[in-house]
C-alpha atoms as a PDB file:
ATOM      1  CA  MET A   1     158.159 -19.324  -2.152  1.00  0.00           C
ATOM      2  CA  ILE A   2     159.341 -20.935   1.084  1.00  0.00           C
ATOM      3  CA  SER A   3     157.898 -24.423   1.268  1.00  0.00           C
ATOM      4  CA  ILE A   4     155.624 -25.876   3.934  1.00  0.00           C
ATOM      5  CA  SER A   5     156.155 -29.436   5.175  1.00  0.00           C
ATOM      6  CA  GLN A   6     153.571 -31.628   3.434  1.00  0.00           C
ATOM      7  CA  LYS A   7     154.256 -34.318   6.009  1.00  0.00           C
ATOM      8  CA  ALA A   8     153.279 -31.900   8.776  1.00  0.00           C
ATOM      9  CA  ILE A   9     150.051 -31.114   6.900  1.00  0.00           C
ATOM     10  CA  ASP A  10     149.300 -34.842   6.624  1.00  0.00           C
ATOM     11  CA  ALA A  11     150.078 -35.377  10.316  1.00  0.00           C
ATOM     12  CA  VAL A  12     147.675 -32.643  11.437  1.00  0.00           C
ATOM     13  CA  LYS A  13     144.966 -34.226   9.285  1.00  0.00           C
ATOM     14  CA  SER A  14     145.481 -37.432  11.266  1.00  0.00           C
ATOM     15  CA  PHE A  15     144.770 -35.642  14.569  1.00  0.00           C
ATOM     16  CA  GLU A  16     141.220 -34.944  15.697  1.00  0.00           C
ATOM     17  CA  PHE A  17     140.218 -31.290  15.996  1.00  0.00           C
ATOM     18  CA  LEU A  18     137.925 -30.657  18.958  1.00  0.00           C
ATOM     19  CA  LYS A  19     137.158 -26.950  19.255  1.00  0.00           C
ATOM     20  CA  ASP A  20     138.542 -23.449  19.630  1.00  0.00           C
ATOM     21  CA  LEU A  21     138.397 -21.535  22.913  1.00  0.00           C
ATOM     22  CA  GLU A  22     139.263 -17.881  23.465  1.00  0.00           C
ATOM     23  CA  LEU A  23     141.429 -16.089  25.985  1.00  0.00           C
ATOM     24  CA  PHE A  24     140.196 -12.542  26.698  1.00  0.00           C
ATOM     25  CA  GLU A  25     137.121 -13.291  24.618  1.00  0.00           C
ATOM     26  CA  GLY A  26     135.454 -10.239  23.105  1.00  0.00           C
ATOM     27  CA  GLN A  27     138.511  -8.014  23.508  1.00  0.00           C
ATOM     28  CA  GLY A  28     140.768  -6.732  20.753  1.00  0.00           C
ATOM     29  CA  ASN A  29     143.653  -8.780  22.160  1.00  0.00           C
ATOM     30  CA  SER A  30     141.754 -12.093  22.260  1.00  0.00           C
ATOM     31  CA  THR A  31     143.786 -15.241  21.630  1.00  0.00           C
ATOM     32  CA  THR A  32     142.403 -18.408  20.041  1.00  0.00           C
ATOM     33  CA  MET A  33     143.427 -21.724  21.571  1.00  0.00           C
ATOM     34  CA  HIS A  34     143.155 -24.567  19.037  1.00  0.00           C
ATOM     35  CA  ILE A  35     142.355 -27.853  20.781  1.00  0.00           C
ATOM     36  CA  PHE A  36     143.210 -31.189  19.164  1.00  0.00           C
ATOM     37  CA  MET A  37     143.518 -34.731  20.446  1.00  0.00           C
ATOM     38  CA  PRO A  38     145.002 -38.006  19.161  1.00  0.00           C
ATOM     39  CA  ARG A  39     142.393 -40.173  17.438  1.00  0.00           C
ATOM     40  CA  LEU A  40     140.619 -42.762  19.532  1.00  0.00           C
ATOM     41  CA  ASN A  41     140.932 -46.525  19.274  1.00  0.00           C
ATOM     42  CA  GLY A  42     138.135 -47.884  21.425  1.00  0.00           C
ATOM     43  CA  ARG A  43     138.323 -46.291  24.863  1.00  0.00           C
ATOM     44  CA  GLU A  44     141.858 -44.943  24.580  1.00  0.00           C
ATOM     45  CA  PHE A  45     143.957 -42.552  22.562  1.00  0.00           C
ATOM     46  CA  ASP A  46     145.651 -44.275  19.622  1.00  0.00           C
ATOM     47  CA  PHE A  47     149.227 -43.310  20.460  1.00  0.00           C
ATOM     48  CA  GLU A  48     150.618 -45.862  18.002  1.00  0.00           C
ATOM     49  CA  ASP A  49     148.953 -44.009  15.122  1.00  0.00           C
ATOM     50  CA  PHE A  50     149.932 -40.652  16.637  1.00  0.00           C
ATOM     51  CA  GLN A  51     153.554 -41.764  16.881  1.00  0.00           C
ATOM     52  CA  ALA A  52     153.603 -43.122  13.327  1.00  0.00           C
ATOM     53  CA  ASN A  53     152.367 -39.834  11.891  1.00  0.00           C
ATOM     54  CA  LEU A  54     154.856 -37.781  13.904  1.00  0.00           C
ATOM     55  CA  LEU A  55     157.668 -40.063  12.740  1.00  0.00           C
ATOM     56  CA  GLU A  56     157.002 -38.950   9.162  1.00  0.00           C
ATOM     57  CA  VAL A  57     157.649 -35.328  10.210  1.00  0.00           C
ATOM     58  CA  VAL A  58     160.986 -35.905  11.957  1.00  0.00           C
ATOM     59  CA  VAL A  59     163.201 -35.296   8.910  1.00  0.00           C
ATOM     60  CA  ASP A  60     161.629 -31.924   8.079  1.00  0.00           C
ATOM     61  CA  PHE A  61     161.695 -30.988  11.768  1.00  0.00           C
ATOM     62  CA  SER A  62     165.309 -31.931  12.470  1.00  0.00           C
ATOM     63  CA  LEU A  63     167.270 -31.154   9.317  1.00  0.00           C
ATOM     64  CA  SER A  64     167.832 -27.998   7.308  1.00  0.00           C
ATOM     65  CA  ARG A  65     166.298 -27.744   3.849  1.00  0.00           C
ATOM     66  CA  SER A  66     169.720 -27.872   2.207  1.00  0.00           C
ATOM     67  CA  THR A  67     170.630 -31.065   4.070  1.00  0.00           C
ATOM     68  CA  VAL A  68     167.341 -32.712   3.072  1.00  0.00           C
ATOM     69  CA  LYS A  69     167.820 -31.645  -0.539  1.00  0.00           C
ATOM     70  CA  LYS A  70     171.301 -33.143  -0.640  1.00  0.00           C
ATOM     71  CA  TYR A  71     170.169 -36.467   0.804  1.00  0.00           C
ATOM     72  CA  GLU A  72     167.238 -36.602  -1.603  1.00  0.00           C
ATOM     73  CA  ALA A  73     169.492 -35.833  -4.575  1.00  0.00           C
ATOM     74  CA  ASP A  74     171.797 -38.680  -3.526  1.00  0.00           C
ATOM     75  CA  ARG A  75     168.777 -40.923  -2.745  1.00  0.00           C
ATOM     76  CA  LYS A  76     170.192 -41.703   0.706  1.00  0.00           C
ATOM     77  CA  TRP A  77     166.841 -42.095   2.461  1.00  0.00           C
ATOM     78  CA  GLN A  78     167.938 -44.291   5.365  1.00  0.00           C
ATOM     79  CA  GLN A  79     170.977 -42.144   6.141  1.00  0.00           C
ATOM     80  CA  MET A  80     168.794 -39.024   6.092  1.00  0.00           C
ATOM     81  CA  SER A  81     166.327 -40.606   8.525  1.00  0.00           C
ATOM     82  CA  LYS A  82     169.156 -41.776  10.774  1.00  0.00           C
ATOM     83  CA  GLU A  83     170.733 -38.318  10.987  1.00  0.00           C
ATOM     84  CA  ALA A  84     167.354 -36.709  11.741  1.00  0.00           C
ATOM     85  CA  ARG A  85     166.643 -39.127  14.595  1.00  0.00           C
ATOM     86  CA  GLN A  86     170.148 -38.787  16.025  1.00  0.00           C
ATOM     87  CA  LYS A  87     169.526 -35.085  16.633  1.00  0.00           C
ATOM     88  CA  PHE A  88     167.215 -35.998  19.519  1.00  0.00           C
ATOM     89  CA  ARG A  89     168.470 -36.518  23.057  1.00  0.00           C
ATOM     90  CA  ASP A  90     168.042 -39.940  24.676  1.00  0.00           C
ATOM     91  CA  TYR A  91     164.362 -40.645  25.217  1.00  0.00           C
ATOM     92  CA  THR A  92     164.904 -41.705  28.850  1.00  0.00           C
ATOM     93  CA  SER A  93     165.775 -38.119  29.859  1.00  0.00           C
ATOM     94  CA  ASN A  94     164.173 -36.191  27.007  1.00  0.00           C
ATOM     95  CA  THR A  95     161.122 -34.326  28.313  1.00  0.00           C
ATOM     96  CA  GLY A  96     161.118 -31.378  25.910  1.00  0.00           C
ATOM     97  CA  GLU A  97     161.719 -32.338  22.300  1.00  0.00           C
ATOM     98  CA  LEU A  98     158.464 -34.214  21.679  1.00  0.00           C
ATOM     99  CA  GLY A  99     156.584 -31.003  22.463  1.00  0.00           C
ATOM    100  CA  GLU A 100     158.835 -29.113  20.071  1.00  0.00           C
ATOM    101  CA  LEU A 101     158.106 -31.655  17.318  1.00  0.00           C
ATOM    102  CA  ILE A 102     154.359 -31.329  17.901  1.00  0.00           C
ATOM    103  CA  LEU A 103     154.562 -27.522  17.905  1.00  0.00           C
ATOM    104  CA  TYR A 104     156.471 -27.614  14.603  1.00  0.00           C
ATOM    105  CA  THR A 105     153.809 -29.920  13.165  1.00  0.00           C
ATOM    106  CA  PHE A 106     151.001 -27.534  14.093  1.00  0.00           C
ATOM    107  CA  LEU A 107     152.756 -24.356  12.947  1.00  0.00           C
ATOM    108  CA  GLU A 108     153.596 -25.870   9.568  1.00  0.00           C
ATOM    109  CA  GLY A 109     150.650 -28.213   9.097  1.00  0.00           C
ATOM    110  CA  HIS A 110     147.783 -26.140  10.530  1.00  0.00           C
ATOM    111  CA  LEU A 111     148.929 -22.504  10.518  1.00  0.00           C
ATOM    112  CA  SER A 112     150.937 -22.825   7.249  1.00  0.00           C
ATOM    113  CA  ALA A 113     153.823 -20.951   8.870  1.00  0.00           C
ATOM    114  CA  PRO A 114     157.156 -22.020   7.314  1.00  0.00           C
ATOM    115  CA  GLN A 115     160.085 -22.632   9.610  1.00  0.00           C
ATOM    116  CA  ILE A 116     163.027 -20.310   9.003  1.00  0.00           C
ATOM    117  CA  LEU A 117     165.263 -21.592  11.785  1.00  0.00           C
ATOM    118  CA  SER A 118     165.502 -25.111  13.192  1.00  0.00           C
ATOM    119  CA  LYS A 119     167.525 -25.271  16.397  1.00  0.00           C
ATOM    120  CA  MET A 120     167.620 -29.047  15.949  1.00  0.00           C
ATOM    121  CA  SER A 121     169.534 -28.696  12.695  1.00  0.00           C
ATOM    122  CA  LEU A 122     172.250 -26.712  14.529  1.00  0.00           C
ATOM    123  CA  LYS A 123     172.937 -29.530  17.002  1.00  0.00           C
ATOM    124  CA  THR A 124     176.145 -31.417  16.289  1.00  0.00           C
ATOM    125  CA  THR A 125     175.333 -34.162  18.815  1.00  0.00           C
ATOM    126  CA  SER A 126     172.186 -35.382  20.533  1.00  0.00           C
ATOM    127  CA  GLY A 127     173.559 -33.896  23.770  1.00  0.00           C
ATOM    128  CA  ASP A 128     173.569 -30.320  22.475  1.00  0.00           C
ATOM    129  CA  TYR A 129     170.740 -28.206  23.773  1.00  0.00           C
ATOM    130  CA  THR A 130     170.174 -24.730  22.399  1.00  0.00           C
ATOM    131  CA  LYS A 131     168.299 -22.396  24.731  1.00  0.00           C
ATOM    132  CA  LYS A 132     166.002 -19.511  23.796  1.00  0.00           C
ATOM    133  CA  SER A 133     163.073 -20.200  21.467  1.00  0.00           C
ATOM    134  CA  ASP A 134     162.423 -23.769  20.388  1.00  0.00           C
ATOM    135  CA  ARG A 135     162.091 -22.705  16.744  1.00  0.00           C
ATOM    136  CA  ILE A 136     161.228 -19.704  14.581  1.00  0.00           C
ATOM    137  CA  HIS A 137     158.542 -19.518  11.874  1.00  0.00           C
ATOM    138  CA  PHE A 138     156.738 -16.760  10.026  1.00  0.00           C
ATOM    139  CA  VAL A 139     153.204 -16.277   8.722  1.00  0.00           C
ATOM    140  CA  LYS A 140     151.250 -13.604   6.869  1.00  0.00           C
ATOM    141  CA  GLU A 141     148.188 -12.407   8.752  1.00  0.00           C
ATOM    142  CA  ASP A 142     144.806 -13.032   7.151  1.00  0.00           C
ATOM    143  CA  ASN A 143     143.382  -9.987   5.332  1.00  0.00           C
ATOM    144  CA  SER A 144     146.501  -7.972   6.065  1.00  0.00           C
ATOM    145  CA  GLU A 145     149.903  -7.125   4.631  1.00  0.00           C
ATOM    146  CA  ARG A 146     151.493  -7.744   8.035  1.00  0.00           C
ATOM    147  CA  TYR A 147     153.765 -10.690   8.805  1.00  0.00           C
ATOM    148  CA  HIS A 148     154.344 -12.327  12.168  1.00  0.00           C
ATOM    149  CA  LEU A 149     157.770 -13.632  13.136  1.00  0.00           C
ATOM    150  CA  ILE A 150     156.821 -16.523  15.442  1.00  0.00           C
ATOM    151  CA  PHE A 151     159.073 -17.603  18.311  1.00  0.00           C
ATOM    152  CA  GLY A 152     158.087 -21.092  19.486  1.00  0.00           C
ATOM    153  CA  GLU A 153     157.673 -22.469  23.001  1.00  0.00           C
ATOM    154  CA  ALA A 154     156.427 -25.971  23.889  1.00  0.00           C
ATOM    155  CA  LYS A 155     155.547 -27.368  27.315  1.00  0.00           C
ATOM    156  CA  MET A 156     154.186 -30.790  28.296  1.00  0.00           C
ATOM    157  CA  TYR A 157     153.084 -30.850  31.941  1.00  0.00           C
ATOM    158  CA  GLN A 158     150.542 -32.916  33.806  1.00  0.00           C
ATOM    159  CA  ASP A 159     148.826 -29.726  34.992  1.00  0.00           C
ATOM    160  CA  ILE A 160     147.666 -27.390  32.222  1.00  0.00           C
ATOM    161  CA  SER A 161     147.919 -24.244  34.369  1.00  0.00           C
ATOM    162  CA  SER A 162     151.547 -24.999  35.297  1.00  0.00           C
ATOM    163  CA  ALA A 163     152.354 -25.605  31.630  1.00  0.00           C
ATOM    164  CA  PHE A 164     151.055 -22.169  30.631  1.00  0.00           C
ATOM    165  CA  LYS A 165     152.767 -20.476  33.583  1.00  0.00           C
ATOM    166  CA  ASN A 166     156.129 -21.951  32.609  1.00  0.00           C
ATOM    167  CA  ALA A 167     155.597 -21.161  28.920  1.00  0.00           C
ATOM    168  CA  PHE A 168     154.941 -17.506  29.755  1.00  0.00           C
ATOM    169  CA  GLN A 169     158.027 -17.411  31.981  1.00  0.00           C
ATOM    170  CA  SER A 170     160.151 -18.820  29.165  1.00  0.00           C
ATOM    171  CA  ILE A 171     158.742 -16.254  26.738  1.00  0.00           C
ATOM    172  CA  SER A 172     159.672 -13.462  29.158  1.00  0.00           C
ATOM    173  CA  ILE A 173     163.259 -14.743  29.149  1.00  0.00           C
ATOM    174  CA  HIS A 174     163.287 -15.111  25.370  1.00  0.00           C
ATOM    175  CA  GLN A 175     162.194 -11.530  24.787  1.00  0.00           C
ATOM    176  CA  ASP A 176     165.627 -10.370  25.950  1.00  0.00           C
ATOM    177  CA  GLY A 177     167.288 -12.644  23.396  1.00  0.00           C
ATOM    178  CA  LYS A 178     165.376 -11.915  20.203  1.00  0.00           C
ATOM    179  CA  ASP A 179     168.261 -10.001  18.615  1.00  0.00           C
ATOM    180  CA  PHE A 180     170.436 -13.080  19.133  1.00  0.00           C
ATOM    181  CA  GLU A 181     167.727 -15.257  17.608  1.00  0.00           C
ATOM    182  CA  LYS A 182     167.535 -13.037  14.528  1.00  0.00           C
ATOM    183  CA  SER A 183     171.302 -13.007  14.107  1.00  0.00           C
ATOM    184  CA  LEU A 184     171.272 -16.804  14.333  1.00  0.00           C
ATOM    185  CA  ILE A 185     168.775 -16.950  11.462  1.00  0.00           C
ATOM    186  CA  SER A 186     170.966 -14.599   9.420  1.00  0.00           C
ATOM    187  CA  SER A 187     173.991 -16.827   9.966  1.00  0.00           C
ATOM    188  CA  GLN A 188     172.068 -19.953   8.895  1.00  0.00           C
ATOM    189  CA  ILE A 189     170.021 -18.513   6.049  1.00  0.00           C
ATOM    190  CA  ASP A 190     172.050 -20.246   3.332  1.00  0.00           C
ATOM    191  CA  SER A 191     171.380 -23.697   4.800  1.00  0.00           C
ATOM    192  CA  GLU A 192     167.672 -23.088   5.456  1.00  0.00           C
ATOM    193  CA  LEU A 193     166.692 -21.453   2.160  1.00  0.00           C
ATOM    194  CA  MET A 194     167.308 -22.405  -1.435  1.00  0.00           C
ATOM    195  CA  ASN A 195     167.061 -19.279  -3.579  1.00  0.00           C
ATOM    196  CA  ASP A 196     168.091 -15.623  -3.388  1.00  0.00           C
ATOM    197  CA  GLU A 197     164.525 -14.310  -3.487  1.00  0.00           C
ATOM    198  CA  ASP A 198     163.571 -16.277  -0.367  1.00  0.00           C
ATOM    199  CA  LYS A 199     166.763 -15.217   1.387  1.00  0.00           C
ATOM    200  CA  GLN A 200     166.060 -11.541   0.705  1.00  0.00           C
ATOM    201  CA  PHE A 201     162.450 -11.937   1.819  1.00  0.00           C
ATOM    202  CA  VAL A 202     163.468 -13.423   5.172  1.00  0.00           C
ATOM    203  CA  THR A 203     166.102 -10.697   5.616  1.00  0.00           C
ATOM    204  CA  ASP A 204     163.364  -8.109   5.048  1.00  0.00           C
ATOM    205  CA  ILE A 205     161.216  -9.778   7.713  1.00  0.00           C
ATOM    206  CA  LEU A 206     164.080  -9.917  10.207  1.00  0.00           C
ATOM    207  CA  TYR A 207     165.314  -6.367   9.694  1.00  0.00           C
ATOM    208  CA  PRO A 208     162.635  -4.296   7.932  1.00  0.00           C
ATOM    209  CA  SER A 209     164.127  -0.960   9.020  1.00  0.00           C
ATOM    210  CA  ARG A 210     167.643  -1.869   7.866  1.00  0.00           C
ATOM    211  CA  THR A 211     166.538  -3.074   4.438  1.00  0.00           C
ATOM    212  CA  LYS A 212     164.165  -0.107   3.994  1.00  0.00           C
ATOM    213  CA  THR A 213     161.374  -2.421   2.957  1.00  0.00           C
ATOM    214  CA  ASP A 214     157.634  -1.762   3.102  1.00  0.00           C
ATOM    215  CA  VAL A 215     157.047  -5.135   4.774  1.00  0.00           C
ATOM    216  CA  LYS A 216     155.203  -4.810   8.097  1.00  0.00           C
ATOM    217  CA  VAL A 217     156.464  -7.221  10.735  1.00  0.00           C
ATOM    218  CA  SER A 218     155.439  -7.957  14.326  1.00  0.00           C
ATOM    219  CA  ASP A 219     156.863 -10.483  16.784  1.00  0.00           C
ATOM    220  CA  ALA A 220     154.489 -13.245  17.871  1.00  0.00           C
ATOM    221  CA  PHE A 221     154.695 -16.448  19.889  1.00  0.00           C
ATOM    222  CA  GLY A 222     153.663 -19.994  19.036  1.00  0.00           C
ATOM    223  CA  ILE A 223     152.798 -22.153  22.046  1.00  0.00           C
ATOM    224  CA  PHE A 224     152.092 -25.867  22.314  1.00  0.00           C
ATOM    225  CA  ILE A 225     150.703 -27.164  25.594  1.00  0.00           C
ATOM    226  CA  GLY A 226     150.439 -30.887  26.246  1.00  0.00           C
ATOM    227  CA  PHE A 227     148.549 -31.736  29.432  1.00  0.00           C
ATOM    228  CA  GLU A 228     147.272 -34.808  31.250  1.00  0.00           C
ATOM    229  CA  ILE A 229     143.708 -36.079  31.369  1.00  0.00           C
ATOM    230  CA  ASP A 230     142.522 -38.851  33.703  1.00  0.00           C
ATOM    231  CA  ASP A 231     140.032 -40.922  31.731  1.00  0.00           C
ATOM    232  CA  ALA A 232     139.414 -43.643  34.316  1.00  0.00           C
ATOM    233  CA  ARG A 233     135.800 -42.521  34.843  1.00  0.00           C
ATOM    234  CA  GLY A 234     135.021 -43.126  31.188  1.00  0.00           C
ATOM    235  CA  LYS A 235     136.336 -46.680  30.922  1.00  0.00           C
ATOM    236  CA  THR A 236     133.036 -48.312  31.900  1.00  0.00           C
ATOM    237  CA  LEU A 237     131.094 -46.476  29.176  1.00  0.00           C
ATOM    238  CA  SER A 238     130.329 -47.776  25.697  1.00  0.00           C
ATOM    239  CA  GLU A 239     132.785 -46.672  22.997  1.00  0.00           C
ATOM    240  CA  ASP A 240     130.405 -44.017  21.655  1.00  0.00           C
ATOM    241  CA  GLU A 241     129.639 -42.797  25.169  1.00  0.00           C
ATOM    242  CA  TYR A 242     133.356 -42.708  25.994  1.00  0.00           C
ATOM    243  CA  GLU A 243     134.101 -40.595  22.912  1.00  0.00           C
ATOM    244  CA  SER A 244     131.428 -38.071  23.861  1.00  0.00           C
ATOM    245  CA  TRP A 245     132.521 -38.063  27.513  1.00  0.00           C
ATOM    246  CA  VAL A 246     136.258 -37.605  26.851  1.00  0.00           C
ATOM    247  CA  LYS A 247     135.702 -34.749  24.406  1.00  0.00           C
ATOM    248  CA  ASN A 248     133.481 -32.959  26.909  1.00  0.00           C
ATOM    249  CA  GLU A 249     136.002 -33.626  29.690  1.00  0.00           C
ATOM    250  CA  ILE A 250     138.865 -32.116  27.666  1.00  0.00           C
ATOM    251  CA  GLY A 251     136.862 -28.978  26.925  1.00  0.00           C
ATOM    252  CA  SER A 252     135.774 -28.696  30.561  1.00  0.00           C
ATOM    253  CA  ILE A 253     139.353 -28.960  31.887  1.00  0.00           C
ATOM    254  CA  ILE A 254     140.511 -26.128  29.637  1.00  0.00           C
ATOM    255  CA  GLN A 255     137.429 -23.968  30.159  1.00  0.00           C
ATOM    256  CA  LYS A 256     137.870 -24.106  33.937  1.00  0.00           C
ATOM    257  CA  ARG A 257     141.486 -22.882  33.625  1.00  0.00           C
ATOM    258  CA  ILE A 258     140.895 -19.930  31.287  1.00  0.00           C
ATOM    259  CA  LYS A 259     140.796 -17.248  34.005  1.00  0.00           C
ATOM    260  CA  THR A 260     143.969 -18.647  35.557  1.00  0.00           C
ATOM    261  CA  ILE A 261     145.726 -18.700  32.181  1.00  0.00           C
ATOM    262  CA  GLU A 262     144.649 -15.110  31.508  1.00  0.00           C
ATOM    263  CA  ARG A 263     146.032 -14.068  34.896  1.00  0.00           C
ATOM    264  CA  TYR A 264     149.351 -15.802  34.232  1.00  0.00           C
ATOM    265  CA  LEU A 265     149.585 -14.021  30.894  1.00  0.00           C
ATOM    266  CA  SER A 266     148.933 -10.552  32.337  1.00  0.00           C
ATOM    267  CA  ASP A 267     150.536 -10.670  35.820  1.00  0.00           C
ATOM    268  CA  GLU A 268     154.167  -9.924  36.697  1.00  0.00           C
ATOM    269  CA  TRP A 269     156.397 -11.807  39.164  1.00  0.00           C
ATOM    270  CA  ASP A 270     159.985 -12.824  39.823  1.00  0.00           C
ATOM    271  CA  PHE A 271     161.132 -16.414  39.337  1.00  0.00           C
ATOM    272  CA  THR A 272     164.347 -18.419  39.419  1.00  0.00           C
ATOM    273  CA  GLU A 273     165.664 -20.684  36.674  1.00  0.00           C
ATOM    274  CA  ASN A 274     169.088 -22.341  36.714  1.00  0.00           C
ATOM    275  CA  SER A 275     170.053 -20.316  39.807  1.00  0.00           C
ATOM    276  CA  LYS A 276     169.317 -17.027  38.014  1.00  0.00           C
ATOM    277  CA  THR A 277     166.457 -14.682  38.897  1.00  0.00           C
ATOM    278  CA  TYR A 278     164.228 -13.333  36.142  1.00  0.00           C
ATOM    279  CA  HIS A 279     161.193 -11.066  36.012  1.00  0.00           C
ATOM    280  CA  LYS A 280     158.088 -12.354  34.281  1.00  0.00           C
ATOM    281  CA  THR A 281     156.639  -9.357  32.458  1.00  0.00           C
ATOM    282  CA  SER A 282     153.034  -8.770  31.422  1.00  0.00           C
ATOM    283  CA  LEU A 283     152.441 -10.230  27.982  1.00  0.00           C
ATOM    284  CA  ILE A 284     149.217  -8.336  27.354  1.00  0.00           C
ATOM    285  CA  GLY A 285     149.275  -7.013  23.795  1.00  0.00           C
ATOM    286  CA  LYS A 286     151.498  -9.802  22.463  1.00  0.00           C
ATOM    287  CA  TYR A 287     150.163 -12.029  19.695  1.00  0.00           C
ATOM    288  CA  PHE A 288     149.931 -15.769  20.323  1.00  0.00           C
ATOM    289  CA  TYR A 289     149.217 -18.874  18.256  1.00  0.00           C
ATOM    290  CA  VAL A 290     148.202 -21.539  20.783  1.00  0.00           C
ATOM    291  CA  TYR A 291     147.695 -25.288  20.366  1.00  0.00           C
ATOM    292  CA  LEU A 292     146.650 -27.744  23.067  1.00  0.00           C
ATOM    293  CA  MET A 293     146.496 -31.538  23.191  1.00  0.00           C
ATOM    294  CA  PRO A 294     145.596 -33.924  26.040  1.00  0.00           C
ATOM    295  CA  PHE A 295     147.505 -37.088  26.951  1.00  0.00           C
ATOM    296  CA  THR A 296     146.624 -39.922  29.296  1.00  0.00           C
ATOM    297  CA  ASN A 297     149.532 -40.948  31.562  1.00  0.00           C
ATOM    298  CA  LEU A 298     151.525 -38.052  30.132  1.00  0.00           C
ATOM    299  CA  ASN A 299     154.995 -38.865  31.470  1.00  0.00           C
ATOM    300  CA  GLU A 300     154.801 -42.524  30.469  1.00  0.00           C
ATOM    301  CA  ASN A 301     153.354 -41.878  26.990  1.00  0.00           C
ATOM    302  CA  ARG A 302     155.704 -38.970  26.281  1.00  0.00           C
ATOM    303  CA  LYS A 303     158.661 -41.264  26.900  1.00  0.00           C
ATOM    304  CA  ARG A 304     157.139 -44.055  24.800  1.00  0.00           C
ATOM    305  CA  ILE A 305     156.291 -41.774  21.848  1.00  0.00           C
ATOM    306  CA  THR A 306     159.696 -40.068  22.001  1.00  0.00           C
ATOM    307  CA  LYS A 307     161.370 -43.482  21.897  1.00  0.00           C
ATOM    308  CA  GLY A 308     159.217 -44.491  18.960  1.00  0.00           C
ATOM    309  CA  VAL A 309     160.105 -41.486  16.803  1.00  0.00           C
ATOM    310  CA  THR A 310     163.817 -41.482  17.618  1.00  0.00           C
ATOM    311  CA  GLU A 311     164.972 -45.113  17.606  1.00  0.00           C
END
């Protein structure tokens, strides 16, 4: 049995769940968006607590299972923590890896979807940056014998609509590279997994037709969206009133963007990234696991939290 990160489970318990909202509600292809927020401390998000709980997840996020096992066997706790934190790029220019850490935390700690490839563990220096999916997990569907191979994508933008638009564009690019992603897992399977049974199981998920297995597998996508909320209007309220106001405000921001998000998911267009032109395809019919979380002063707090979990 491939293990789930207990530290990710504990971290998710420290977040506050708000509500679920649906994309394409009432249709067979509806997608649930799980909305969480950092816990409150008075009239502000408690980012110190949020950072502390994410810090506990960094080792499982950054290092392969075999590396963690070796450090634990040798009881080299500080060295293990140091290596995990050194995988991150410098916080002053690092706008992406905090979102990846949060996505990992939700996929493991909320969805119970074990990671089978950590791109972070493949980095030899903090300057390395592996493109394609942020990470790859798998999960068994409820009340089904089908498994989902989950390709991860995280975006933290001030505007929630722009975050989704860019996530969908990245997913369109990644779809052309899924064979590469699967081959990368195959090449790293010995470092990620401990026993032969788990290794064979993951091989069956990656290549069900080659292994002639009865396992049913579909590709899916895990998305984390961090977005900005302006809470200035709530600062003059009592603490209880502020809590009620900010929760309603978060839900309202997302609810107002649902039609736009649905359009971005279904429409097609051309776009340019790194001087190369791509075509954003319709993603109707794809399966998504979506998590959202608001941040005040997103750029400033992203930098501060990233610094806190990496230094």
